[in-house]
Amino acid sequence: MKGITGTLVLLVWSCGSLWGQGNSPLLWLKPDSVTSGHLIFKDAGTQGLEVQLTGSGQLPDSVGFNYNPALYFNGASRLTRLNQVPALQKQLTFIAVYEADTSDQEFGLYRLQKDTTLIIGFSTQSIRQLSKTVRYLDSTNTHGLINVLSQHIHKMPGGSNPSELILGTDGNSTFKGKVAEVLLFNYKLSRVVRNRYESYLAIKYGITLDSLDYFNASDSCIWKRKDNAAYHFGMAGIGKDGVLGLNQKQSSGHAGNDIVGIGAGKLSQSNAKNETVLPEQQFLLWGHTNHPQTAVYKDTIGTDSVVIHLRRQYRIRPAGDSVSDLPTELFFKAGLYPGYEGVFMKRRMDDVSAENIFFPDSTDAEGNAYFKQIYWDQDGSGYDVFSFGFQGEVSQIPLNNQLSVVSANNAANQQQQSHTTLQEFGKLSDLNAKVYPNPTTGPFKLGIQTSSTEETAIICYDLSGRTVLKRSVSGSRDYLIEDIQLARGHYLLVVHNTAGRKVLNLFVYE
């Protein structure tokens, strides 16, 4: 990634206000696009400034921040002198969205000054005003942040020259990391107005508002923290709010770095390239249980078949009267679990019927699994709780030190689920069975080898325990049963006789 060099040229044109002149920021700087020789900023504040980076030196690359463009500061250079900031009041509010590269040092983010007199200097650990420094953090956070600073200026410097806003430094150090948006208000924000802006930024950049609810521009609550307290981690969302200027079509929590991402229609390389038209005032918001992404629990079925489940679960809530009709595409970073095969998604943890079990439509070179045409809250309950799992043979599942594996009984208690029905079957003694192809998109075959010529029973269960197939064979030690066909879903296929038992996981695509 390249550093930022050169000078800023400010061009003024008129622009509209979001909620009327009294509620709009004085300056609202957003990276917009990279063109030949110029990095364009759009100012949605009351000044309507177009900011172009010109001059000698290398031009910066735009970097991604939850599918949106951001600027990368390399720690050695800075954006300099937005030198037409108009008259300032004594009460100012700054909002900055950023993500620092490392936590082992302090990075200066912005500096507001008049001539050479400091008004405010802000870094990732401290605030400076005149000769005073207040340290608010002992170390630098490296996850995506929305930082709000409301500051009373006791003595505004005099003189007729306009003030200057310098991005990428506080005067003592320079910034290293991503900067997405910077807003400057000429007054102290009310709680209501502040929450509008924070909700907009949190949804757009995949950042969790730790202790706040999420609101739209009409101040309707679209995610209530208290009602979703167990899932208020790694928050993300998609939605459209024309008043706020929000049109987020795809998102991933942890500032775009989560193991799960969801997009309206079809996922694209960036939010701007997603061609889906979102309906106005329709939102999907989700968060997870904050279990480590490596934490799993397992169900051992028989002696050589196992299902691995992620302990992390996600709750997704629609807000709007038509969002449940919106098709989405979901990705899951299955490649982070090397050696695991047969990945699947459970759309509802309390209902494992076939219509709520999904298998990936495709995977990419990094092992990411993509699930298409996923619709949410189809039962009208107001939310879904979803998670992921893998299936395979014990010898093929690497239960190594990189994964935190707990017993099925402990996981059942912690997840309020019972897995005892998956372990009621006996041990293999002298019976082998194999189903293929598996997963399958149509008919499949079952091969059986056994030392007994007595009756061999074949029973197939769905994950709710319902019997969906039952038959028996006898008189031989080798069987090949062909053209078996089941509806889409995840099944347990049990083969048993006097010689032993075999339990197989079976996955059927549509």
Protein backbone atom coordinates (compact mmCIF):
# COMPACT_ATOMS: atom_id res chain seq x y z
CA MET A 1 0.00 0.00 0.00
CA LYS A 2 1.26 3.45 -0.87
CA GLY A 3 1.65 6.42 1.39
CA ILE A 4 -0.13 9.75 1.07
CA THR A 5 1.83 12.73 -0.19
CA GLY A 6 1.11 16.04 -1.90
CA THR A 7 -1.11 19.00 -1.08
CA LEU A 8 -4.86 19.47 -0.94
CA VAL A 9 -6.73 21.72 -3.31
CA LEU A 10 -10.22 22.68 -2.06
CA LEU A 11 -12.90 23.40 -4.64
CA VAL A 12 -16.26 24.72 -3.41
CA TRP A 13 -19.70 23.87 -4.77
CA SER A 14 -23.14 23.77 -3.20
CA CYS A 15 -24.61 20.63 -1.66
CA GLY A 16 -27.73 19.58 0.18
CA SER A 17 -28.12 18.90 3.87
CA LEU A 18 -29.06 15.61 5.47
CA TRP A 19 -31.50 16.80 8.15
CA GLY A 20 -31.50 20.51 7.57
CA GLN A 21 -28.63 22.93 7.99
CA GLY A 22 -28.73 22.76 11.78
CA ASN A 23 -27.94 19.04 11.99
CA SER A 24 -25.35 18.65 9.22
CA PRO A 25 -21.61 18.53 9.87
CA LEU A 26 -19.46 21.51 9.02
CA LEU A 27 -17.06 19.12 7.23
CA TRP A 28 -17.75 15.51 6.21
CA LEU A 29 -14.85 13.96 4.35
CA LYS A 30 -15.30 10.61 2.58
CA PRO A 31 -12.93 8.83 0.20
CA ASP A 32 -14.94 8.45 -2.97
CA SER A 33 -12.93 7.22 -5.92
CA VAL A 34 -9.49 7.13 -7.47
CA THR A 35 -9.15 8.70 -10.91
CA SER A 36 -6.13 9.32 -13.08
CA GLY A 37 -3.82 11.49 -11.06
CA HIS A 38 -6.35 12.48 -8.42
CA LEU A 39 -7.83 11.10 -5.25
CA ILE A 40 -11.33 12.53 -4.91
CA PHE A 41 -13.00 13.30 -1.60
CA LYS A 42 -16.62 14.27 -1.31
CA ASP A 43 -17.63 16.64 1.46
CA ALA A 44 -21.26 16.08 2.48
CA GLY A 45 -21.05 18.83 5.10
CA THR A 46 -22.43 22.34 4.90
CA GLN A 47 -19.35 23.66 3.07
CA GLY A 48 -19.71 21.35 0.07
CA LEU A 49 -15.97 21.02 -0.55
CA GLU A 50 -14.41 18.83 -3.19
CA VAL A 51 -10.93 17.86 -2.07
CA GLN A 52 -8.36 16.71 -4.59
CA LEU A 53 -4.90 15.43 -3.79
CA THR A 54 -2.44 16.80 -6.31
CA GLY A 55 1.23 17.66 -6.51
CA SER A 56 4.42 15.67 -6.74
CA GLY A 57 5.01 12.27 -5.21
CA GLN A 58 3.16 9.01 -5.40
CA LEU A 59 -0.61 8.99 -5.33
CA PRO A 60 -2.32 6.78 -2.75
CA ASP A 61 -4.17 3.57 -3.35
CA SER A 62 -7.71 3.25 -2.09
CA VAL A 63 -8.01 0.36 0.36
CA GLY A 64 -11.05 -1.60 1.46
CA PHE A 65 -12.92 -1.07 4.72
CA ASN A 66 -15.89 -3.47 4.85
CA TYR A 67 -16.31 -3.28 1.06
CA ASN A 68 -16.08 0.54 1.11
CA PRO A 69 -13.10 2.70 0.09
CA ALA A 70 -10.76 4.14 2.71
CA LEU A 71 -7.39 5.91 2.70
CA TYR A 72 -4.21 4.24 3.88
CA PHE A 73 -1.68 6.33 5.80
CA ASN A 74 1.78 4.75 5.92
CA GLY A 75 3.03 6.52 9.06
CA ALA A 76 5.50 8.70 7.20
CA SER A 77 3.28 11.07 5.23
CA ARG A 78 0.04 12.92 5.74
CA LEU A 79 -2.81 14.81 4.18
CA THR A 80 -2.06 18.45 4.75
CA ARG A 81 -3.93 21.69 5.29
CA LEU A 82 -7.61 21.81 4.62
CA ASN A 83 -7.05 25.51 4.95
CA GLN A 84 -10.57 26.86 4.39
CA VAL A 85 -12.32 25.64 7.52
CA PRO A 86 -14.74 28.50 8.28
CA ALA A 87 -15.37 30.24 11.60
CA LEU A 88 -15.52 27.75 14.48
CA GLN A 89 -17.66 27.82 17.58
CA LYS A 90 -16.28 27.00 21.03
CA GLN A 91 -18.11 23.66 21.18
CA LEU A 92 -16.90 21.17 18.55
CA THR A 93 -17.62 17.50 17.84
CA PHE A 94 -15.36 15.24 15.81
CA ILE A 95 -16.29 11.76 14.56
CA ALA A 96 -13.55 9.66 12.96
CA VAL A 97 -13.73 6.12 11.56
CA TYR A 98 -10.34 4.41 11.43
CA GLU A 99 -8.36 1.22 11.96
CA ALA A 100 -4.76 1.43 13.17
CA ASP A 101 -2.14 -1.05 11.97
CA THR A 102 -0.45 -1.90 15.28
CA SER A 103 -1.09 -1.46 19.00
CA ASP A 104 2.49 -0.89 20.16
CA GLN A 105 2.66 2.85 19.46
CA GLU A 106 0.61 6.04 19.44
CA PHE A 107 -0.58 7.41 16.10
CA GLY A 108 -1.68 11.00 15.47
CA LEU A 109 -4.96 11.16 13.57
CA TYR A 110 -5.88 14.81 13.09
CA ARG A 111 -4.93 18.32 14.15
CA LEU A 112 -7.07 21.47 14.07
CA GLN A 113 -5.12 24.70 14.23
CA LYS A 114 -5.31 28.39 13.42
CA ASP A 115 -2.13 29.75 11.92
CA THR A 116 0.36 27.79 14.04
CA THR A 117 -1.73 27.74 17.24
CA LEU A 118 -3.11 24.32 18.18
CA ILE A 119 -6.86 24.10 18.78
CA ILE A 120 -7.18 20.31 19.12
CA GLY A 121 -4.75 17.47 18.45
CA PHE A 122 -6.15 13.94 18.51
CA SER A 123 -4.27 10.63 18.51
CA THR A 124 -5.13 6.99 19.13
CA GLN A 125 -4.21 7.41 22.81
CA SER A 126 -4.41 11.09 23.79
CA ILE A 127 -6.08 14.46 23.24
CA ARG A 128 -4.11 17.73 23.19
CA GLN A 129 -5.56 21.20 23.62
CA LEU A 130 -3.30 24.21 23.97
CA SER A 131 -0.65 23.11 26.48
CA LYS A 132 -2.67 20.30 28.04
CA THR A 133 -2.59 16.60 27.16
CA VAL A 134 -5.18 14.08 28.35
CA ARG A 135 -4.42 10.39 27.87
CA TYR A 136 -7.60 8.36 27.33
CA LEU A 137 -6.04 4.98 26.38
CA ASP A 138 -2.83 3.20 27.37
CA SER A 139 -2.51 1.38 24.05
CA THR A 140 -3.80 1.70 20.50
CA ASN A 141 -6.83 -0.32 19.46
CA THR A 142 -6.26 -2.21 16.21
CA HIS A 143 -9.87 -3.04 15.40
CA GLY A 144 -12.17 -0.72 13.48
CA LEU A 145 -13.37 2.19 15.61
CA ILE A 146 -15.88 5.02 15.53
CA ASN A 147 -14.30 7.63 17.79
CA VAL A 148 -16.47 10.56 18.93
CA LEU A 149 -14.84 13.57 20.57
CA SER A 150 -16.94 16.45 21.92
CA GLN A 151 -14.70 19.26 23.07
CA HIS A 152 -15.24 22.74 24.51
CA ILE A 153 -12.59 25.21 23.35
CA HIS A 154 -11.97 27.55 26.27
CA LYS A 155 -9.95 30.06 24.25
CA MET A 156 -10.29 30.15 20.48
CA PRO A 157 -7.23 31.68 18.77
CA GLY A 158 -7.86 35.10 17.24
CA GLY A 159 -7.10 36.45 13.80
CA SER A 160 -8.96 36.62 10.51
CA ASN A 161 -7.33 33.65 8.80
CA PRO A 162 -9.43 30.48 8.44
CA SER A 163 -8.61 27.46 10.55
CA GLU A 164 -6.82 24.42 9.14
CA LEU A 165 -7.66 20.73 9.57
CA ILE A 166 -4.71 18.42 9.04
CA LEU A 167 -5.44 14.70 8.64
CA GLY A 168 -2.88 12.01 9.42
CA THR A 169 -1.10 13.74 12.30
CA ASP A 170 -1.78 15.40 15.65
CA GLY A 171 1.44 17.40 15.39
CA ASN A 172 3.51 14.92 17.41
CA SER A 173 3.13 11.68 15.47
CA THR A 174 1.69 10.46 12.18
CA PHE A 175 -0.99 7.89 11.53
CA LYS A 176 -0.47 4.36 10.20
CA GLY A 177 -3.58 2.53 9.11
CA LYS A 178 -6.94 3.11 7.42
CA VAL A 179 -9.07 6.23 7.67
CA ALA A 180 -12.61 5.96 6.31
CA GLU A 181 -14.57 9.10 7.23
CA VAL A 182 -13.99 12.24 9.30
CA LEU A 183 -16.82 14.56 10.41
CA LEU A 184 -16.52 17.96 12.12
CA PHE A 185 -19.55 19.63 13.75
CA ASN A 186 -19.70 23.21 14.99
CA TYR A 187 -21.75 22.21 18.03
CA LYS A 188 -22.27 19.43 20.56
CA LEU A 189 -24.43 16.62 19.18
CA SER A 190 -27.58 15.63 21.00
CA ARG A 191 -27.81 11.97 21.93
CA VAL A 192 -30.45 11.40 19.23
CA VAL A 193 -28.46 13.01 16.42
CA ARG A 194 -25.23 11.38 17.53
CA ASN A 195 -26.88 7.95 17.50
CA ARG A 196 -28.09 8.50 13.94
CA TYR A 197 -24.57 9.14 12.71
CA GLU A 198 -23.04 6.31 14.75
CA SER A 199 -25.66 3.83 13.49
CA TYR A 200 -25.01 4.88 9.90
CA LEU A 201 -21.24 4.49 10.30
CA ALA A 202 -21.50 1.22 12.24
CA ILE A 203 -23.62 -0.44 9.55
CA LYS A 204 -21.50 0.94 6.72
CA TYR A 205 -18.15 -0.15 8.17
CA GLY A 206 -19.08 -3.31 10.12
CA ILE A 207 -18.31 -1.86 13.56
CA THR A 208 -20.07 -2.78 16.81
CA LEU A 209 -21.67 -0.05 18.90
CA ASP A 210 -20.76 -1.64 22.22
CA SER A 211 -23.41 -0.13 24.49
CA LEU A 212 -25.87 1.42 22.03
CA ASP A 213 -28.95 0.51 20.05
CA TYR A 214 -29.05 1.01 16.29
CA PHE A 215 -31.47 3.57 14.81
CA ASN A 216 -32.50 4.73 11.36
CA ALA A 217 -32.90 8.38 10.33
CA SER A 218 -36.48 8.52 11.62
CA ASP A 219 -35.21 7.39 15.03
CA SER A 220 -36.86 3.96 14.85
CA CYS A 221 -34.82 1.29 16.64
CA ILE A 222 -33.66 -1.39 14.19
CA TRP A 223 -31.48 -3.39 16.65
CA LYS A 224 -31.98 -3.29 20.39
CA ARG A 225 -28.88 -4.24 22.33
CA LYS A 226 -30.75 -5.45 25.44
CA ASP A 227 -32.90 -7.87 23.45
CA ASN A 228 -29.86 -9.26 21.63
CA ALA A 229 -27.23 -8.99 24.37
CA ALA A 230 -25.80 -12.50 23.82
CA TYR A 231 -25.28 -11.71 20.11
CA HIS A 232 -24.07 -8.10 20.30
CA PHE A 233 -20.55 -8.87 19.06
CA GLY A 234 -19.02 -8.58 15.59
CA MET A 235 -22.01 -6.55 14.47
CA ALA A 236 -22.69 -5.99 10.77
CA GLY A 237 -25.62 -5.18 8.56
CA ILE A 238 -27.00 -4.27 5.18
CA GLY A 239 -29.69 -1.73 4.49
CA LYS A 240 -30.77 1.48 2.80
CA ASP A 241 -31.61 4.80 4.43
CA GLY A 242 -31.80 7.63 1.92
CA VAL A 243 -31.91 10.33 4.58
CA LEU A 244 -28.68 9.06 6.14
CA GLY A 245 -27.12 8.40 2.75
CA LEU A 246 -26.70 4.72 3.65
CA ASN A 247 -26.81 2.12 0.88
CA GLN A 248 -24.85 -0.80 2.29
CA LYS A 249 -25.45 -3.89 0.15
CA GLN A 250 -22.94 -6.31 1.70
CA SER A 251 -21.10 -6.47 4.98
CA SER A 252 -18.95 -8.47 7.35
CA GLY A 253 -18.40 -7.79 11.05
CA HIS A 254 -15.13 -6.78 12.69
CA ALA A 255 -14.68 -4.01 10.08
CA GLY A 256 -15.02 -6.48 7.23
CA ASN A 257 -12.74 -9.16 8.71
CA ASP A 258 -15.22 -11.65 10.19
CA ILE A 259 -15.48 -15.30 9.09
CA VAL A 260 -19.01 -14.59 7.80
CA GLY A 261 -20.26 -12.02 5.32
CA ILE A 262 -23.69 -11.45 3.80
CA GLY A 263 -24.67 -9.55 0.67
CA ALA A 264 -27.95 -8.61 -0.94
CA GLY A 265 -28.45 -10.54 -4.17
CA LYS A 266 -24.96 -11.59 -5.22
CA LEU A 267 -21.73 -10.73 -3.38
CA SER A 268 -19.34 -8.50 -5.32
CA GLN A 269 -15.79 -7.22 -4.90
CA SER A 270 -17.04 -3.99 -3.37
CA ASN A 271 -20.24 -2.45 -2.13
CA ALA A 272 -20.33 -0.10 -5.14
CA LYS A 273 -20.14 -3.02 -7.59
CA ASN A 274 -23.07 -4.87 -6.03
CA GLU A 275 -25.90 -4.18 -8.48
CA THR A 276 -28.75 -5.15 -6.16
CA VAL A 277 -31.32 -2.40 -5.61
CA LEU A 278 -32.20 -2.32 -1.92
CA PRO A 279 -35.69 -1.15 -0.90
CA GLU A 280 -35.78 2.01 1.20
CA GLN A 281 -35.79 1.62 5.02
CA GLN A 282 -35.14 -2.13 4.88
CA PHE A 283 -32.34 -3.58 7.03
CA LEU A 284 -30.75 -6.87 8.01
CA LEU A 285 -28.51 -6.69 11.09
CA TRP A 286 -26.58 -9.52 12.69
CA GLY A 287 -24.08 -10.24 15.44
CA HIS A 288 -22.51 -13.29 17.06
CA THR A 289 -22.01 -14.89 20.47
CA ASN A 290 -18.33 -13.92 20.73
CA HIS A 291 -17.07 -17.48 20.97
CA PRO A 292 -13.56 -17.76 19.46
CA GLN A 293 -13.80 -18.68 15.80
CA THR A 294 -11.65 -21.75 16.50
CA ALA A 295 -13.96 -23.09 19.22
CA VAL A 296 -15.88 -26.16 18.09
CA TYR A 297 -17.66 -29.13 19.57
CA LYS A 298 -18.10 -32.58 18.07
CA ASP A 299 -20.60 -35.39 17.84
CA THR A 300 -18.97 -38.77 17.30
CA ILE A 301 -21.42 -41.06 15.54
CA GLY A 302 -20.62 -44.75 15.75
CA THR A 303 -16.87 -45.28 15.64
CA ASP A 304 -15.67 -43.51 12.55
CA SER A 305 -18.10 -40.72 11.68
CA VAL A 306 -18.16 -37.28 13.24
CA VAL A 307 -19.94 -33.94 12.93
CA ILE A 308 -18.05 -30.79 13.96
CA HIS A 309 -20.09 -27.74 15.01
CA LEU A 310 -18.91 -24.16 15.51
CA ARG A 311 -19.70 -22.85 18.96
CA ARG A 312 -20.06 -19.33 17.56
CA GLN A 313 -23.64 -18.65 16.56
CA TYR A 314 -25.12 -15.66 14.76
CA ARG A 315 -28.46 -13.95 15.24
CA ILE A 316 -29.81 -12.04 12.26
CA ARG A 317 -32.81 -9.72 12.52
CA PRO A 318 -34.77 -8.04 9.74
CA ALA A 319 -36.09 -4.49 10.17
CA GLY A 320 -38.67 -3.54 7.56
CA ASP A 321 -41.77 -5.07 6.07
CA SER A 322 -40.22 -6.58 2.92
CA VAL A 323 -36.67 -7.52 3.86
CA SER A 324 -37.66 -11.17 4.41
CA ASP A 325 -38.28 -11.32 0.63
CA LEU A 326 -34.72 -10.19 -0.12
CA PRO A 327 -32.45 -12.98 -1.46
CA THR A 328 -28.95 -12.90 -0.02
CA GLU A 329 -25.64 -14.61 -0.57
CA LEU A 330 -23.53 -15.64 2.41
CA PHE A 331 -19.85 -16.57 2.59
CA PHE A 332 -18.15 -18.55 5.34
CA LYS A 333 -14.37 -18.81 5.65
CA ALA A 334 -14.34 -22.59 5.72
CA GLY A 335 -10.71 -22.52 4.55
CA LEU A 336 -9.69 -21.51 8.09
CA TYR A 337 -10.50 -25.08 9.15
CA PRO A 338 -8.01 -27.17 7.13
CA GLY A 339 -8.91 -30.80 6.66
CA TYR A 340 -12.58 -30.28 7.40
CA GLU A 341 -14.97 -31.32 4.66
CA GLY A 342 -18.70 -31.40 4.11
CA VAL A 343 -19.35 -27.85 5.34
CA PHE A 344 -22.98 -26.93 5.86
CA MET A 345 -25.00 -24.06 7.31
CA LYS A 346 -27.89 -24.37 9.75
CA ARG A 347 -30.22 -21.41 9.25
CA ARG A 348 -32.18 -22.07 12.44
CA MET A 349 -30.45 -23.71 15.40
CA ASP A 350 -33.85 -24.60 16.91
CA ASP A 351 -35.10 -26.26 13.71
CA VAL A 352 -32.78 -28.63 11.84
CA SER A 353 -35.35 -29.75 9.29
CA ALA A 354 -34.23 -30.09 5.68
CA GLU A 355 -35.38 -26.61 4.62
CA ASN A 356 -33.00 -25.05 7.16
CA ILE A 357 -29.88 -27.03 6.17
CA PHE A 358 -27.86 -25.46 3.36
CA PHE A 359 -24.81 -26.66 1.47
CA PRO A 360 -22.43 -24.39 -0.42
CA ASP A 361 -23.20 -23.60 -4.02
CA SER A 362 -19.52 -22.94 -4.67
CA THR A 363 -16.10 -22.55 -3.04
CA ASP A 364 -13.09 -20.48 -4.04
CA ALA A 365 -9.34 -21.08 -4.02
CA GLU A 366 -9.08 -19.94 -0.39
CA GLY A 367 -11.71 -22.44 0.73
CA ASN A 368 -14.46 -19.87 1.30
CA ALA A 369 -17.90 -21.45 0.99
CA TYR A 370 -20.70 -19.50 -0.72
CA PHE A 371 -24.39 -20.06 0.00
CA LYS A 372 -26.80 -18.46 -2.46
CA GLN A 373 -30.49 -17.55 -2.38
CA ILE A 374 -30.73 -17.45 1.42
CA TYR A 375 -33.92 -15.84 2.75
CA TRP A 376 -34.21 -14.87 6.40
CA ASP A 377 -36.98 -15.01 9.00
CA GLN A 378 -39.24 -17.16 6.87
CA ASP A 379 -41.29 -18.19 9.92
CA GLY A 380 -42.02 -14.59 10.95
CA SER A 381 -40.47 -15.04 14.42
CA GLY A 382 -38.42 -11.85 14.02
CA TYR A 383 -34.97 -13.44 13.78
CA ASP A 384 -32.91 -16.49 12.84
CA VAL A 385 -29.97 -17.98 14.73
CA PHE A 386 -27.53 -19.66 12.36
CA SER A 387 -24.18 -21.42 12.49
CA PHE A 388 -21.97 -23.86 10.59
CA GLY A 389 -20.68 -27.40 10.79
CA PHE A 390 -18.57 -30.03 9.06
CA GLN A 391 -18.96 -33.76 8.61
CA GLY A 392 -16.53 -36.53 7.80
CA GLU A 393 -14.79 -39.63 9.04
CA VAL A 394 -12.90 -39.52 12.34
CA SER A 395 -9.63 -40.38 10.66
CA GLN A 396 -10.03 -37.39 8.34
CA ILE A 397 -10.97 -34.76 10.95
CA PRO A 398 -7.86 -32.99 12.36
CA LEU A 399 -8.78 -32.29 15.98
CA ASN A 400 -5.51 -30.46 16.56
CA ASN A 401 -4.33 -27.88 19.06
CA GLN A 402 -5.51 -25.02 16.86
CA LEU A 403 -9.13 -25.92 17.56
CA SER A 404 -10.78 -25.79 20.96
CA VAL A 405 -12.81 -28.99 21.00
CA VAL A 406 -15.31 -29.65 23.79
CA SER A 407 -17.36 -32.74 24.45
CA ALA A 408 -20.83 -33.02 22.99
CA ASN A 409 -22.36 -33.13 26.47
CA ASN A 410 -20.69 -29.90 27.60
CA ALA A 411 -21.55 -28.21 24.34
CA ALA A 412 -25.13 -29.35 24.66
CA ASN A 413 -25.40 -27.71 28.06
CA GLN A 414 -23.76 -24.50 26.88
CA GLN A 415 -25.72 -24.28 23.64
CA GLN A 416 -29.00 -25.50 25.17
CA GLN A 417 -29.13 -28.38 22.71
CA SER A 418 -29.18 -32.13 23.24
CA HIS A 419 -26.96 -34.39 21.17
CA THR A 420 -27.58 -37.63 23.06
CA THR A 421 -29.64 -39.09 20.21
CA LEU A 422 -26.55 -38.95 18.00
CA GLN A 423 -24.62 -41.29 20.32
CA GLU A 424 -27.11 -44.05 21.07
CA PHE A 425 -25.70 -46.42 18.50
CA GLY A 426 -23.37 -49.32 19.25
CA LYS A 427 -19.79 -49.89 18.24
CA LEU A 428 -18.61 -51.34 14.97
CA SER A 429 -17.47 -54.98 15.22
CA ASP A 430 -17.71 -56.66 11.83
CA LEU A 431 -19.78 -54.47 9.52
CA ASN A 432 -18.73 -51.85 6.99
CA ALA A 433 -20.90 -49.52 4.94
CA LYS A 434 -20.28 -46.64 2.58
CA VAL A 435 -22.62 -44.20 0.85
CA TYR A 436 -21.58 -42.49 -2.38
CA PRO A 437 -21.56 -39.94 -3.85
CA ASN A 438 -21.66 -37.94 -0.64
CA PRO A 439 -22.62 -35.11 -0.72
CA THR A 440 -25.04 -35.87 -3.54
CA THR A 441 -27.34 -33.86 -5.76
CA GLY A 442 -29.54 -36.82 -6.65
CA PRO A 443 -29.72 -40.59 -6.24
CA PHE A 444 -27.00 -42.28 -4.20
CA LYS A 445 -25.74 -45.81 -3.56
CA LEU A 446 -25.19 -47.70 -0.32
CA GLY A 447 -22.56 -50.45 -0.19
CA ILE A 448 -22.53 -52.91 2.74
CA GLN A 449 -20.02 -55.62 3.72
CA THR A 450 -20.77 -57.80 6.75
CA SER A 451 -19.81 -61.14 8.26
CA SER A 452 -23.45 -62.00 8.95
CA THR A 453 -26.02 -63.25 6.44
CA GLU A 454 -28.86 -62.46 8.81
CA GLU A 455 -31.15 -59.47 8.35
CA THR A 456 -29.39 -56.11 8.02
CA ALA A 457 -31.57 -53.10 8.84
CA ILE A 458 -31.12 -49.73 7.12
CA ILE A 459 -32.72 -46.70 8.79
CA CYS A 460 -32.29 -43.08 7.79
CA TYR A 461 -33.05 -40.20 10.20
CA ASP A 462 -33.16 -36.47 9.64
CA LEU A 463 -31.53 -34.29 12.29
CA SER A 464 -34.81 -33.89 14.17
CA GLY A 465 -34.82 -37.68 14.75
CA ARG A 466 -37.65 -38.42 12.30
CA THR A 467 -37.35 -41.67 10.31
CA VAL A 468 -37.38 -40.87 6.59
CA LEU A 469 -36.34 -44.25 5.17
CA LYS A 470 -36.44 -47.83 6.46
CA ARG A 471 -35.66 -51.10 4.70
CA SER A 472 -33.83 -54.38 5.28
CA VAL A 473 -31.78 -56.92 3.33
CA SER A 474 -30.67 -60.48 4.14
CA GLY A 475 -29.13 -63.66 2.73
CA SER A 476 -25.75 -62.21 1.66
CA ARG A 477 -22.58 -60.68 3.04
CA ASP A 478 -22.26 -58.04 0.30
CA TYR A 479 -24.96 -55.59 -0.77
CA LEU A 480 -25.17 -52.72 -3.22
CA ILE A 481 -28.37 -50.73 -2.91
CA GLU A 482 -28.79 -48.28 -5.78
CA ASP A 483 -31.03 -45.34 -6.74
CA ILE A 484 -31.85 -44.22 -3.21
CA GLN A 485 -33.19 -40.66 -3.29
CA LEU A 486 -34.05 -38.21 -0.51
CA ALA A 487 -35.04 -34.55 -0.28
CA ARG A 488 -32.42 -31.92 0.42
CA GLY A 489 -31.02 -32.14 3.93
CA HIS A 490 -28.51 -33.61 6.39
CA TYR A 491 -29.25 -37.21 7.40
CA LEU A 492 -27.92 -39.96 9.64
CA LEU A 493 -27.91 -43.31 7.85
CA VAL A 494 -27.81 -46.25 10.30
CA VAL A 495 -26.89 -49.75 9.14
CA HIS A 496 -26.97 -52.55 11.76
CA ASN A 497 -27.25 -56.29 12.23
CA THR A 498 -25.97 -58.87 14.69
CA ALA A 499 -22.39 -58.23 13.53
CA GLY A 500 -22.39 -54.53 14.39
CA ARG A 501 -23.58 -51.04 13.55
CA LYS A 502 -22.45 -48.31 11.19
CA VAL A 503 -23.69 -44.71 11.23
CA LEU A 504 -23.01 -42.46 8.25
CA ASN A 505 -23.58 -38.76 7.66
CA LEU A 506 -25.36 -38.10 4.40
CA PHE A 507 -25.73 -34.69 2.75
CA VAL A 508 -28.22 -34.16 -0.06
CA TYR A 509 -28.21 -31.06 -2.23
CA GLU A 510 -31.13 -30.04 -4.37
